[in-house]
Structure formats: structure tokens, C-alpha cells
Amino acid sequence: MNISSIVIAVVGIVITVFFTASYNRYKDVFDYEKTFLWHREMNGKQVREILKNIIIAGAWLILIGAGFYIIISVIS
């Protein structure tokens, strides 16, 4: 059984869904409007950039987990 690749993909799904919801919350904030993310003062553009990069990392985890699952399934 290939548990590690499934865990990587599930972690990627959780990260992507959670941070997409957070991204949607900051979607209507103007670019240079002051706001807080993780108790740090930032502007809207910085917040969206950070959340977008985390969403991209989560998507990569999904792809890597699925790819490893397929590769290991074919080899086994």
C-alpha cells in the first residue's frame, strides 16, 4: 500500500481548500488598504500574494502525491 503519496495528496488538498477560502476573504480588499494576516500588518496586495503562493504549493503537493501514487502503482 502506498500511504505516503496519499498523505501528501490529502495534505495538498487541505492546504489548497483552506487557503483558497482565506484568499476569497481578502479578495475584496484594495491593493494598498492596510489589513492584518497572522497578526502582522500588511496591505491587501501582499496578503493575496502570500496566500496565492501557499495555494500554488498546495496544488504542487496534490500533483506530486498523485504522480508518486501512479508511478508506484505501475511499478508494483
PDB file of N, CA and C in Angstrom:
ATOM      1  N   MET A   1       0.853  -1.190   0.000  1.00  0.00           N
ATOM      2  CA  MET A   1       0.000   0.000   0.000  1.00  0.00           C
ATOM      3  C   MET A   1       0.886   1.236   0.000  1.00  0.00           C
ATOM      4  N   ASN A   2       0.471   2.210  -0.739  1.00  0.00           N
ATOM      5  CA  ASN A   2       1.265   3.425  -0.902  1.00  0.00           C
ATOM      6  C   ASN A   2       0.629   4.561  -0.110  1.00  0.00           C
ATOM      7  N   ILE A   3       0.867   4.564   1.181  1.00  0.00           N
ATOM      8  CA  ILE A   3       0.224   5.525   2.077  1.00  0.00           C
ATOM      9  C   ILE A   3       0.851   6.909   1.974  1.00  0.00           C
ATOM     10  N   SER A   4       2.165   6.987   1.799  1.00  0.00           N
ATOM     11  CA  SER A   4       2.842   8.289   1.839  1.00  0.00           C
ATOM     12  C   SER A   4       2.380   9.210   0.719  1.00  0.00           C
ATOM     13  N   SER A   5       2.198   8.682  -0.478  1.00  0.00           N
ATOM     14  CA  SER A   5       1.745   9.541  -1.577  1.00  0.00           C
ATOM     15  C   SER A   5       0.300   9.986  -1.372  1.00  0.00           C
ATOM     16  N   ILE A   6      -0.509   9.134  -0.779  1.00  0.00           N
ATOM     17  CA  ILE A   6      -1.892   9.519  -0.481  1.00  0.00           C
ATOM     18  C   ILE A   6      -1.912  10.620   0.575  1.00  0.00           C
ATOM     19  N   VAL A   7      -1.064  10.496   1.585  1.00  0.00           N
ATOM     20  CA  VAL A   7      -0.988  11.524   2.634  1.00  0.00           C
ATOM     21  C   VAL A   7      -0.529  12.856   2.046  1.00  0.00           C
ATOM     22  N   ILE A   8       0.468  12.835   1.160  1.00  0.00           N
ATOM     23  CA  ILE A   8       0.941  14.067   0.526  1.00  0.00           C
ATOM     24  C   ILE A   8      -0.183  14.725  -0.263  1.00  0.00           C
ATOM     25  N   ALA A   9      -0.938  13.939  -1.029  1.00  0.00           N
ATOM     26  CA  ALA A   9      -2.031  14.496  -1.823  1.00  0.00           C
ATOM     27  C   ALA A   9      -3.141  15.052  -0.933  1.00  0.00           C
ATOM     28  N   VAL A  10      -3.472  14.359   0.139  1.00  0.00           N
ATOM     29  CA  VAL A  10      -4.529  14.832   1.044  1.00  0.00           C
ATOM     30  C   VAL A  10      -4.099  16.115   1.746  1.00  0.00           C
ATOM     31  N   VAL A  11      -2.849  16.193   2.166  1.00  0.00           N
ATOM     32  CA  VAL A  11      -2.348  17.434   2.777  1.00  0.00           C
ATOM     33  C   VAL A  11      -2.432  18.576   1.770  1.00  0.00           C
ATOM     34  N   GLY A  12      -2.089  18.308   0.523  1.00  0.00           N
ATOM     35  CA  GLY A  12      -2.199  19.326  -0.518  1.00  0.00           C
ATOM     36  C   GLY A  12      -3.626  19.786  -0.735  1.00  0.00           C
ATOM     37  N   ILE A  13      -4.573  18.857  -0.691  1.00  0.00           N
ATOM     38  CA  ILE A  13      -5.986  19.218  -0.847  1.00  0.00           C
ATOM     39  C   ILE A  13      -6.444  20.096   0.307  1.00  0.00           C
ATOM     40  N   VAL A  14      -6.074  19.721   1.527  1.00  0.00           N
ATOM     41  CA  VAL A  14      -6.477  20.505   2.703  1.00  0.00           C
ATOM     42  C   VAL A  14      -5.890  21.913   2.633  1.00  0.00           C
ATOM     43  N   ILE A  15      -4.615  22.019   2.310  1.00  0.00           N
ATOM     44  CA  ILE A  15      -3.969  23.334   2.213  1.00  0.00           C
ATOM     45  C   ILE A  15      -4.631  24.174   1.131  1.00  0.00           C
ATOM     46  N   THR A  16      -4.863  23.592  -0.026  1.00  0.00           N
ATOM     47  CA  THR A  16      -5.452  24.338  -1.135  1.00  0.00           C
ATOM     48  C   THR A  16      -6.854  24.823  -0.798  1.00  0.00           C
ATOM     49  N   VAL A  17      -7.679  23.975  -0.224  1.00  0.00           N
ATOM     50  CA  VAL A  17      -9.053  24.370   0.105  1.00  0.00           C
ATOM     51  C   VAL A  17      -9.073  25.427   1.200  1.00  0.00           C
ATOM     52  N   PHE A  18      -8.305  25.229   2.261  1.00  0.00           N
ATOM     53  CA  PHE A  18      -8.308  26.174   3.381  1.00  0.00           C
ATOM     54  C   PHE A  18      -7.815  27.554   2.955  1.00  0.00           C
ATOM     55  N   PHE A  19      -6.705  27.598   2.233  1.00  0.00           N
ATOM     56  CA  PHE A  19      -6.146  28.893   1.859  1.00  0.00           C
ATOM     57  C   PHE A  19      -6.898  29.538   0.701  1.00  0.00           C
ATOM     58  N   THR A  20      -7.618  28.754  -0.106  1.00  0.00           N
ATOM     59  CA  THR A  20      -8.493  29.358  -1.112  1.00  0.00           C
ATOM     60  C   THR A  20      -9.642  30.082  -0.430  1.00  0.00           C
ATOM     61  N   ALA A  21     -10.170  29.513   0.638  1.00  0.00           N
ATOM     62  CA  ALA A  21     -11.217  30.202   1.398  1.00  0.00           C
ATOM     63  C   ALA A  21     -10.673  31.485   2.013  1.00  0.00           C
ATOM     64  N   SER A  22      -9.452  31.451   2.529  1.00  0.00           N
ATOM     65  CA  SER A  22      -8.836  32.665   3.076  1.00  0.00           C
ATOM     66  C   SER A  22      -8.582  33.688   1.980  1.00  0.00           C
ATOM     67  N   TYR A  23      -8.153  33.230   0.816  1.00  0.00           N
ATOM     68  CA  TYR A  23      -7.909  34.131  -0.314  1.00  0.00           C
ATOM     69  C   TYR A  23      -9.197  34.836  -0.721  1.00  0.00           C
ATOM     70  N   ASN A  24     -10.303  34.097  -0.746  1.00  0.00           N
ATOM     71  CA  ASN A  24     -11.589  34.699  -1.111  1.00  0.00           C
ATOM     72  C   ASN A  24     -12.026  35.748  -0.096  1.00  0.00           C
ATOM     73  N   ARG A  25     -11.627  35.594   1.150  1.00  0.00           N
ATOM     74  CA  ARG A  25     -11.960  36.573   2.181  1.00  0.00           C
ATOM     75  C   ARG A  25     -11.237  37.896   1.925  1.00  0.00           C
ATOM     76  N   TYR A  26     -10.017  37.837   1.406  1.00  0.00           N
ATOM     77  CA  TYR A  26      -9.222  39.039   1.149  1.00  0.00           C
ATOM     78  C   TYR A  26      -9.341  39.527  -0.295  1.00  0.00           C
ATOM     79  N   LYS A  27     -10.215  38.913  -1.069  1.00  0.00           N
ATOM     80  CA  LYS A  27     -10.357  39.256  -2.478  1.00  0.00           C
ATOM     81  C   LYS A  27     -10.857  40.680  -2.681  1.00  0.00           C
ATOM     82  N   ASP A  28     -11.722  41.160  -1.802  1.00  0.00           N
ATOM     83  CA  ASP A  28     -12.321  42.480  -1.958  1.00  0.00           C
ATOM     84  C   ASP A  28     -11.532  43.590  -1.277  1.00  0.00           C
ATOM     85  N   VAL A  29     -10.404  43.274  -0.667  1.00  0.00           N
ATOM     86  CA  VAL A  29      -9.573  44.286  -0.013  1.00  0.00           C
ATOM     87  C   VAL A  29      -8.765  44.996  -1.100  1.00  0.00           C
ATOM     88  N   PHE A  30      -8.729  46.321  -1.048  1.00  0.00           N
ATOM     89  CA  PHE A  30      -7.973  47.084  -2.037  1.00  0.00           C
ATOM     90  C   PHE A  30      -6.482  46.788  -1.909  1.00  0.00           C
ATOM     91  N   ASP A  31      -5.729  47.047  -2.967  1.00  0.00           N
ATOM     92  CA  ASP A  31      -4.309  46.694  -3.007  1.00  0.00           C
ATOM     93  C   ASP A  31      -3.504  47.299  -1.865  1.00  0.00           C
ATOM     94  N   TYR A  32      -3.716  48.565  -1.586  1.00  0.00           N
ATOM     95  CA  TYR A  32      -2.884  49.224  -0.577  1.00  0.00           C
ATOM     96  C   TYR A  32      -3.652  49.550   0.696  1.00  0.00           C
ATOM     97  N   GLU A  33      -4.761  48.871   0.905  1.00  0.00           N
ATOM     98  CA  GLU A  33      -5.520  49.018   2.150  1.00  0.00           C
ATOM     99  C   GLU A  33      -4.831  48.197   3.240  1.00  0.00           C
ATOM    100  N   LYS A  34      -4.629  48.808   4.392  1.00  0.00           N
ATOM    101  CA  LYS A  34      -3.959  48.109   5.495  1.00  0.00           C
ATOM    102  C   LYS A  34      -4.882  47.036   6.068  1.00  0.00           C
ATOM    103  N   THR A  35      -4.328  45.861   6.278  1.00  0.00           N
ATOM    104  CA  THR A  35      -5.070  44.747   6.855  1.00  0.00           C
ATOM    105  C   THR A  35      -4.090  43.878   7.642  1.00  0.00           C
ATOM    106  N   PHE A  36      -4.612  42.881   8.312  1.00  0.00           N
ATOM    107  CA  PHE A  36      -3.771  42.004   9.126  1.00  0.00           C
ATOM    108  C   PHE A  36      -3.885  40.566   8.632  1.00  0.00           C
ATOM    109  N   LEU A  37      -2.755  39.893   8.576  1.00  0.00           N
ATOM    110  CA  LEU A  37      -2.702  38.469   8.285  1.00  0.00           C
ATOM    111  C   LEU A  37      -1.710  37.869   9.261  1.00  0.00           C
ATOM    112  N   TRP A  38      -2.160  36.909  10.063  1.00  0.00           N
ATOM    113  CA  TRP A  38      -1.325  36.253  11.069  1.00  0.00           C
ATOM    114  C   TRP A  38      -0.714  37.280  12.022  1.00  0.00           C
ATOM    115  N   HIS A  39      -1.507  38.227  12.447  1.00  0.00           N
ATOM    116  CA  HIS A  39      -1.135  39.264  13.418  1.00  0.00           C
ATOM    117  C   HIS A  39      -0.014  40.178  12.923  1.00  0.00           C
ATOM    118  N   ARG A  40       0.136  40.291  11.618  1.00  0.00           N
ATOM    119  CA  ARG A  40       1.116  41.208  11.033  1.00  0.00           C
ATOM    120  C   ARG A  40       0.376  42.173  10.125  1.00  0.00           C
ATOM    121  N   GLU A  41       0.743  43.441  10.200  1.00  0.00           N
ATOM    122  CA  GLU A  41       0.103  44.443   9.357  1.00  0.00           C
ATOM    123  C   GLU A  41       0.706  44.384   7.952  1.00  0.00           C
ATOM    124  N   MET A  42      -0.166  44.232   6.967  1.00  0.00           N
ATOM    125  CA  MET A  42       0.239  44.165   5.564  1.00  0.00           C
ATOM    126  C   MET A  42      -0.806  44.908   4.750  1.00  0.00           C
ATOM    127  N   ASN A  43      -0.536  45.069   3.460  1.00  0.00           N
ATOM    128  CA  ASN A  43      -1.582  45.601   2.603  1.00  0.00           C
ATOM    129  C   ASN A  43      -2.239  44.451   1.840  1.00  0.00           C
ATOM    130  N   GLY A  44      -3.343  44.749   1.181  1.00  0.00           N
ATOM    131  CA  GLY A  44      -4.124  43.710   0.525  1.00  0.00           C
ATOM    132  C   GLY A  44      -3.358  42.954  -0.541  1.00  0.00           C
ATOM    133  N   LYS A  45      -2.504  43.670  -1.266  1.00  0.00           N
ATOM    134  CA  LYS A  45      -1.730  43.035  -2.327  1.00  0.00           C
ATOM    135  C   LYS A  45      -0.749  42.013  -1.757  1.00  0.00           C
ATOM    136  N   GLN A  46      -0.085  42.348  -0.661  1.00  0.00           N
ATOM    137  CA  GLN A  46       0.858  41.421  -0.033  1.00  0.00           C
ATOM    138  C   GLN A  46       0.147  40.182   0.498  1.00  0.00           C
ATOM    139  N   VAL A  47      -1.011  40.383   1.097  1.00  0.00           N
ATOM    140  CA  VAL A  47      -1.769  39.258   1.652  1.00  0.00           C
ATOM    141  C   VAL A  47      -2.171  38.300   0.542  1.00  0.00           C
ATOM    142  N   ARG A  48      -2.709  38.839  -0.545  1.00  0.00           N
ATOM    143  CA  ARG A  48      -3.127  37.975  -1.653  1.00  0.00           C
ATOM    144  C   ARG A  48      -1.938  37.255  -2.283  1.00  0.00           C
ATOM    145  N   GLU A  49      -0.792  37.915  -2.360  1.00  0.00           N
ATOM    146  CA  GLU A  49       0.402  37.285  -2.925  1.00  0.00           C
ATOM    147  C   GLU A  49       0.864  36.107  -2.061  1.00  0.00           C
ATOM    148  N   ILE A  50       0.883  36.290  -0.756  1.00  0.00           N
ATOM    149  CA  ILE A  50       1.281  35.212   0.160  1.00  0.00           C
ATOM    150  C   ILE A  50       0.311  34.036   0.058  1.00  0.00           C
ATOM    151  N   LEU A  51      -0.988  34.331   0.094  1.00  0.00           N
ATOM    152  CA  LEU A  51      -1.984  33.259   0.030  1.00  0.00           C
ATOM    153  C   LEU A  51      -1.939  32.545  -1.317  1.00  0.00           C
ATOM    154  N   LYS A  52      -1.712  33.290  -2.392  1.00  0.00           N
ATOM    155  CA  LYS A  52      -1.621  32.676  -3.717  1.00  0.00           C
ATOM    156  C   LYS A  52      -0.438  31.716  -3.788  1.00  0.00           C
ATOM    157  N   ASN A  53       0.696  32.108  -3.221  1.00  0.00           N
ATOM    158  CA  ASN A  53       1.863  31.225  -3.233  1.00  0.00           C
ATOM    159  C   ASN A  53       1.634  29.960  -2.403  1.00  0.00           C
ATOM    160  N   ILE A  54       0.915  30.076  -1.299  1.00  0.00           N
ATOM    161  CA  ILE A  54       0.598  28.899  -0.489  1.00  0.00           C
ATOM    162  C   ILE A  54      -0.359  27.975  -1.246  1.00  0.00           C
ATOM    163  N   ILE A  55      -1.328  28.547  -1.959  1.00  0.00           N
ATOM    164  CA  ILE A  55      -2.258  27.745  -2.764  1.00  0.00           C
ATOM    165  C   ILE A  55      -1.498  26.999  -3.859  1.00  0.00           C
ATOM    166  N   ILE A  56      -0.547  27.669  -4.490  1.00  0.00           N
ATOM    167  CA  ILE A  56       0.264  27.017  -5.529  1.00  0.00           C
ATOM    168  C   ILE A  56       1.076  25.870  -4.934  1.00  0.00           C
ATOM    169  N   ALA A  57       1.643  26.070  -3.750  1.00  0.00           N
ATOM    170  CA  ALA A  57       2.393  24.994  -3.086  1.00  0.00           C
ATOM    171  C   ALA A  57       1.479  23.809  -2.776  1.00  0.00           C
ATOM    172  N   GLY A  58       0.242  24.078  -2.338  1.00  0.00           N
ATOM    173  CA  GLY A  58      -0.716  23.002  -2.087  1.00  0.00           C
ATOM    174  C   GLY A  58      -1.068  22.241  -3.352  1.00  0.00           C
ATOM    175  N   ALA A  59      -1.211  22.971  -4.460  1.00  0.00           N
ATOM    176  CA  ALA A  59      -1.504  22.312  -5.738  1.00  0.00           C
ATOM    177  C   ALA A  59      -0.338  21.425  -6.171  1.00  0.00           C
ATOM    178  N   TRP A  60       0.886  21.890  -5.934  1.00  0.00           N
ATOM    179  CA  TRP A  60       2.042  21.058  -6.242  1.00  0.00           C
ATOM    180  C   TRP A  60       2.075  19.797  -5.387  1.00  0.00           C
ATOM    181  N   LEU A  61       1.693  19.914  -4.129  1.00  0.00           N
ATOM    182  CA  LEU A  61       1.635  18.721  -3.276  1.00  0.00           C
ATOM    183  C   LEU A  61       0.631  17.706  -3.823  1.00  0.00           C
ATOM    184  N   ILE A  62      -0.505  18.194  -4.306  1.00  0.00           N
ATOM    185  CA  ILE A  62      -1.503  17.297  -4.902  1.00  0.00           C
ATOM    186  C   ILE A  62      -0.912  16.585  -6.113  1.00  0.00           C
ATOM    187  N   LEU A  63      -0.263  17.347  -6.992  1.00  0.00           N
ATOM    188  CA  LEU A  63       0.317  16.748  -8.198  1.00  0.00           C
ATOM    189  C   LEU A  63       1.435  15.760  -7.868  1.00  0.00           C
ATOM    190  N   ILE A  64       2.288  16.106  -6.931  1.00  0.00           N
ATOM    191  CA  ILE A  64       3.389  15.213  -6.552  1.00  0.00           C
ATOM    192  C   ILE A  64       2.849  13.936  -5.914  1.00  0.00           C
ATOM    193  N   GLY A  65       1.879  14.072  -5.016  1.00  0.00           N
ATOM    194  CA  GLY A  65       1.290  12.890  -4.384  1.00  0.00           C
ATOM    195  C   GLY A  65       0.606  11.986  -5.389  1.00  0.00           C
ATOM    196  N   ALA A  66      -0.155  12.584  -6.312  1.00  0.00           N
ATOM    197  CA  ALA A  66      -0.835  11.780  -7.335  1.00  0.00           C
ATOM    198  C   ALA A  66       0.179  11.132  -8.272  1.00  0.00           C
ATOM    199  N   GLY A  67       1.215  11.877  -8.626  1.00  0.00           N
ATOM    200  CA  GLY A  67       2.242  11.321  -9.509  1.00  0.00           C
ATOM    201  C   GLY A  67       2.978  10.156  -8.877  1.00  0.00           C
ATOM    202  N   PHE A  68       3.385  10.311  -7.621  1.00  0.00           N
ATOM    203  CA  PHE A  68       4.048   9.209  -6.925  1.00  0.00           C
ATOM    204  C   PHE A  68       3.124   8.000  -6.795  1.00  0.00           C
ATOM    205  N   TYR A  69       1.848   8.261  -6.537  1.00  0.00           N
ATOM    206  CA  TYR A  69       0.898   7.151  -6.414  1.00  0.00           C
ATOM    207  C   TYR A  69       0.810   6.373  -7.725  1.00  0.00           C
ATOM    208  N   ILE A  70       0.725   7.102  -8.833  1.00  0.00           N
ATOM    209  CA  ILE A  70       0.627   6.443 -10.142  1.00  0.00           C
ATOM    210  C   ILE A  70       1.916   5.693 -10.462  1.00  0.00           C
ATOM    211  N   ILE A  71       3.055   6.328 -10.228  1.00  0.00           N
ATOM    212  CA  ILE A  71       4.336   5.684 -10.537  1.00  0.00           C
ATOM    213  C   ILE A  71       4.534   4.426  -9.700  1.00  0.00           C
ATOM    214  N   ILE A  72       4.269   4.512  -8.412  1.00  0.00           N
ATOM    215  CA  ILE A  72       4.464   3.347  -7.545  1.00  0.00           C
ATOM    216  C   ILE A  72       3.442   2.258  -7.864  1.00  0.00           C
ATOM    217  N   SER A  73       2.229   2.639  -8.260  1.00  0.00           N
ATOM    218  CA  SER A  73       1.225   1.637  -8.627  1.00  0.00           C
ATOM    219  C   SER A  73       1.629   0.898  -9.898  1.00  0.00           C
ATOM    220  N   VAL A  74       2.227   1.597 -10.844  1.00  0.00           N
ATOM    221  CA  VAL A  74       2.652   0.961 -12.091  1.00  0.00           C
ATOM    222  C   VAL A  74       3.843   0.038 -11.844  1.00  0.00           C
ATOM    223  N   ILE A  75       4.770   0.478 -10.995  1.00  0.00           N
ATOM    224  CA  ILE A  75       5.966  -0.328 -10.713  1.00  0.00           C
ATOM    225  C   ILE A  75       5.606  -1.595  -9.943  1.00  0.00           C
ATOM    226  N   SER A  76       4.666  -1.503  -9.019  1.00  0.00           N
ATOM    227  CA  SER A  76       4.335  -2.651  -8.158  1.00  0.00           C
ATOM    228  C   SER A  76       3.574  -3.724  -8.864  1.00  0.00           C
TER     229      SER A  76
END
